[in-house]
Amino acid sequence: MVSADILERLSATLASRREADPSTSYVAKLFHKGTEAILKKVGEEAVEVVMAAKDGDKLHVVREVADLWFHTLVLLAHEGLSHEDVLAELARREGISGIEEKASRPKE
């Protein structure tokens, strides 16, 4: 089994790219382009996950989900957040039904 340490290593790499020269790194270029460019990539990758799942190709699904997770980690880093924040939220929700959790959210 692959270790969850990969998330720590990816987070460290992303942090190191925040101030890097955009000409030297894909991630640095995304950070430099800003939120809209990052959101566009997250959206593209989400659509690709859906398409891969519809095709029924398990390996393709895994690869596209990896792309989606990666770009979501870029977004989190850009927003000053990390995978730890998401893991804490998942832990908070553990054992709570989806209906109950949704009902507990503030009304907009």
C-alpha atoms as a PDB file:
ATOM      1  CA  MET A   1       0.000   0.000   0.000  1.00  0.00           C
ATOM      2  CA  VAL A   2       1.201   3.488  -0.821  1.00  0.00           C
ATOM      3  CA  SER A   3       1.829   5.710   2.187  1.00  0.00           C
ATOM      4  CA  ALA A   4      -0.189   8.842   2.857  1.00  0.00           C
ATOM      5  CA  ASP A   5       3.213  10.549   3.225  1.00  0.00           C
ATOM      6  CA  ILE A   6       2.886  11.378  -0.464  1.00  0.00           C
ATOM      7  CA  LEU A   7       0.472  14.149   0.549  1.00  0.00           C
ATOM      8  CA  GLU A   8       3.101  15.599   2.894  1.00  0.00           C
ATOM      9  CA  ARG A   9       5.746  15.463   0.173  1.00  0.00           C
ATOM     10  CA  LEU A  10       3.429  17.029  -2.399  1.00  0.00           C
ATOM     11  CA  SER A  11       2.472  19.786   0.036  1.00  0.00           C
ATOM     12  CA  ALA A  12       6.138  20.535   0.691  1.00  0.00           C
ATOM     13  CA  THR A  13       6.843  20.665  -3.038  1.00  0.00           C
ATOM     14  CA  LEU A  14       3.879  22.956  -3.647  1.00  0.00           C
ATOM     15  CA  ALA A  15       4.995  25.274  -0.841  1.00  0.00           C
ATOM     16  CA  SER A  16       8.455  25.479  -2.385  1.00  0.00           C
ATOM     17  CA  ARG A  17       6.955  26.476  -5.738  1.00  0.00           C
ATOM     18  CA  ARG A  18       4.793  29.347  -4.448  1.00  0.00           C
ATOM     19  CA  GLU A  19       7.567  31.901  -4.953  1.00  0.00           C
ATOM     20  CA  ALA A  20       9.485  30.051  -7.674  1.00  0.00           C
ATOM     21  CA  ASP A  21      10.139  31.452 -11.120  1.00  0.00           C
ATOM     22  CA  PRO A  22       7.102  30.630 -13.303  1.00  0.00           C
ATOM     23  CA  SER A  23       9.405  29.754 -16.187  1.00  0.00           C
ATOM     24  CA  THR A  24      10.948  26.915 -14.167  1.00  0.00           C
ATOM     25  CA  SER A  25       7.870  25.093 -12.884  1.00  0.00           C
ATOM     26  CA  TYR A  26       4.355  24.213 -14.027  1.00  0.00           C
ATOM     27  CA  VAL A  27       3.074  24.726 -10.468  1.00  0.00           C
ATOM     28  CA  ALA A  28       4.888  28.056 -10.114  1.00  0.00           C
ATOM     29  CA  LYS A  29       3.267  29.133 -13.377  1.00  0.00           C
ATOM     30  CA  LEU A  30      -0.184  28.183 -12.036  1.00  0.00           C
ATOM     31  CA  PHE A  31       0.462  30.089  -8.797  1.00  0.00           C
ATOM     32  CA  HIS A  32       1.649  33.087 -10.818  1.00  0.00           C
ATOM     33  CA  LYS A  33      -1.460  33.021 -13.042  1.00  0.00           C
ATOM     34  CA  GLY A  34      -3.669  33.050  -9.962  1.00  0.00           C
ATOM     35  CA  THR A  35      -6.969  31.729  -8.751  1.00  0.00           C
ATOM     36  CA  GLU A  36      -8.849  31.782 -12.055  1.00  0.00           C
ATOM     37  CA  ALA A  37      -6.238  29.657 -13.837  1.00  0.00           C
ATOM     38  CA  ILE A  38      -6.114  27.195 -10.954  1.00  0.00           C
ATOM     39  CA  LEU A  39      -9.907  26.944 -10.812  1.00  0.00           C
ATOM     40  CA  LYS A  40     -10.013  26.350 -14.556  1.00  0.00           C
ATOM     41  CA  LYS A  41      -7.588  23.420 -14.178  1.00  0.00           C
ATOM     42  CA  VAL A  42      -9.580  21.964 -11.271  1.00  0.00           C
ATOM     43  CA  GLY A  43     -12.748  22.204 -13.363  1.00  0.00           C
ATOM     44  CA  GLU A  44     -11.099  20.599 -16.390  1.00  0.00           C
ATOM     45  CA  GLU A  45      -9.768  17.739 -14.293  1.00  0.00           C
ATOM     46  CA  ALA A  46     -13.161  17.182 -12.633  1.00  0.00           C
ATOM     47  CA  VAL A  47     -14.789  16.868 -16.052  1.00  0.00           C
ATOM     48  CA  GLU A  48     -12.072  14.430 -17.144  1.00  0.00           C
ATOM     49  CA  VAL A  49     -12.779  12.268 -14.069  1.00  0.00           C
ATOM     50  CA  VAL A  50     -16.455  12.112 -15.011  1.00  0.00           C
ATOM     51  CA  MET A  51     -15.638  11.232 -18.623  1.00  0.00           C
ATOM     52  CA  ALA A  52     -13.177   8.518 -17.586  1.00  0.00           C
ATOM     53  CA  ALA A  53     -15.734   7.006 -15.210  1.00  0.00           C
ATOM     54  CA  LYS A  54     -18.379   7.008 -17.931  1.00  0.00           C
ATOM     55  CA  ASP A  55     -15.933   5.152 -20.198  1.00  0.00           C
ATOM     56  CA  GLY A  56     -15.491   2.483 -17.520  1.00  0.00           C
ATOM     57  CA  ASP A  57     -11.691   2.473 -17.759  1.00  0.00           C
ATOM     58  CA  LYS A  58     -10.497   2.006 -14.166  1.00  0.00           C
ATOM     59  CA  LEU A  59      -6.864   2.933 -14.840  1.00  0.00           C
ATOM     60  CA  HIS A  60      -7.973   6.085 -16.639  1.00  0.00           C
ATOM     61  CA  VAL A  61     -10.234   6.966 -13.688  1.00  0.00           C
ATOM     62  CA  VAL A  62      -7.326   6.572 -11.257  1.00  0.00           C
ATOM     63  CA  ARG A  63      -5.056   8.737 -13.399  1.00  0.00           C
ATOM     64  CA  GLU A  64      -7.661  11.460 -13.805  1.00  0.00           C
ATOM     65  CA  VAL A  65      -8.501  11.448 -10.085  1.00  0.00           C
ATOM     66  CA  ALA A  66      -4.762  11.814  -9.397  1.00  0.00           C
ATOM     67  CA  ASP A  67      -4.746  14.878 -11.672  1.00  0.00           C
ATOM     68  CA  LEU A  68      -7.811  16.260  -9.896  1.00  0.00           C
ATOM     69  CA  TRP A  69      -6.324  15.683  -6.438  1.00  0.00           C
ATOM     70  CA  PHE A  70      -3.050  17.292  -7.524  1.00  0.00           C
ATOM     71  CA  HIS A  71      -4.722  20.413  -8.875  1.00  0.00           C
ATOM     72  CA  THR A  72      -6.968  20.579  -5.812  1.00  0.00           C
ATOM     73  CA  LEU A  73      -3.814  20.511  -3.664  1.00  0.00           C
ATOM     74  CA  VAL A  74      -2.486  23.400  -5.770  1.00  0.00           C
ATOM     75  CA  LEU A  75      -5.720  25.292  -5.076  1.00  0.00           C
ATOM     76  CA  LEU A  76      -5.497  24.584  -1.351  1.00  0.00           C
ATOM     77  CA  ALA A  77      -1.883  25.803  -1.250  1.00  0.00           C
ATOM     78  CA  HIS A  78      -2.822  28.919  -3.204  1.00  0.00           C
ATOM     79  CA  GLU A  79      -5.531  29.636  -0.627  1.00  0.00           C
ATOM     80  CA  GLY A  80      -3.117  29.112   2.275  1.00  0.00           C
ATOM     81  CA  LEU A  81      -4.687  25.762   3.167  1.00  0.00           C
ATOM     82  CA  SER A  82      -3.413  22.191   3.059  1.00  0.00           C
ATOM     83  CA  HIS A  83      -4.561  18.616   2.838  1.00  0.00           C
ATOM     84  CA  GLU A  84      -4.458  18.607   6.655  1.00  0.00           C
ATOM     85  CA  ASP A  85      -7.373  21.050   6.685  1.00  0.00           C
ATOM     86  CA  VAL A  86      -9.397  18.726   4.464  1.00  0.00           C
ATOM     87  CA  LEU A  87      -8.460  15.667   6.530  1.00  0.00           C
ATOM     88  CA  ALA A  88      -9.563  17.494   9.688  1.00  0.00           C
ATOM     89  CA  GLU A  89     -12.913  18.275   8.085  1.00  0.00           C
ATOM     90  CA  LEU A  90     -13.351  14.654   7.000  1.00  0.00           C
ATOM     91  CA  ALA A  91     -12.548  13.528  10.539  1.00  0.00           C
ATOM     92  CA  ARG A  92     -15.091  16.011  11.894  1.00  0.00           C
ATOM     93  CA  ARG A  93     -17.763  14.572   9.602  1.00  0.00           C
ATOM     94  CA  GLU A  94     -16.924  10.927  10.266  1.00  0.00           C
ATOM     95  CA  GLY A  95     -19.893   9.126  11.753  1.00  0.00           C
ATOM     96  CA  ILE A  96     -22.327  11.912  10.864  1.00  0.00           C
ATOM     97  CA  SER A  97     -24.930  11.102   8.241  1.00  0.00           C
ATOM     98  CA  GLY A  98     -24.763  13.175   5.077  1.00  0.00           C
ATOM     99  CA  ILE A  99     -28.290  14.452   5.641  1.00  0.00           C
ATOM    100  CA  GLU A 100     -27.488  15.487   9.215  1.00  0.00           C
ATOM    101  CA  GLU A 101     -24.200  17.135   8.201  1.00  0.00           C
ATOM    102  CA  LYS A 102     -25.831  19.115   5.392  1.00  0.00           C
ATOM    103  CA  ALA A 103     -28.652  20.250   7.694  1.00  0.00           C
ATOM    104  CA  SER A 104     -26.072  21.561  10.194  1.00  0.00           C
ATOM    105  CA  ARG A 105     -24.542  23.956   7.670  1.00  0.00           C
ATOM    106  CA  PRO A 106     -25.425  27.644   7.954  1.00  0.00           C
ATOM    107  CA  LYS A 107     -28.223  28.696   5.623  1.00  0.00           C
ATOM    108  CA  GLU A 108     -27.114  31.010   2.829  1.00  0.00           C
END
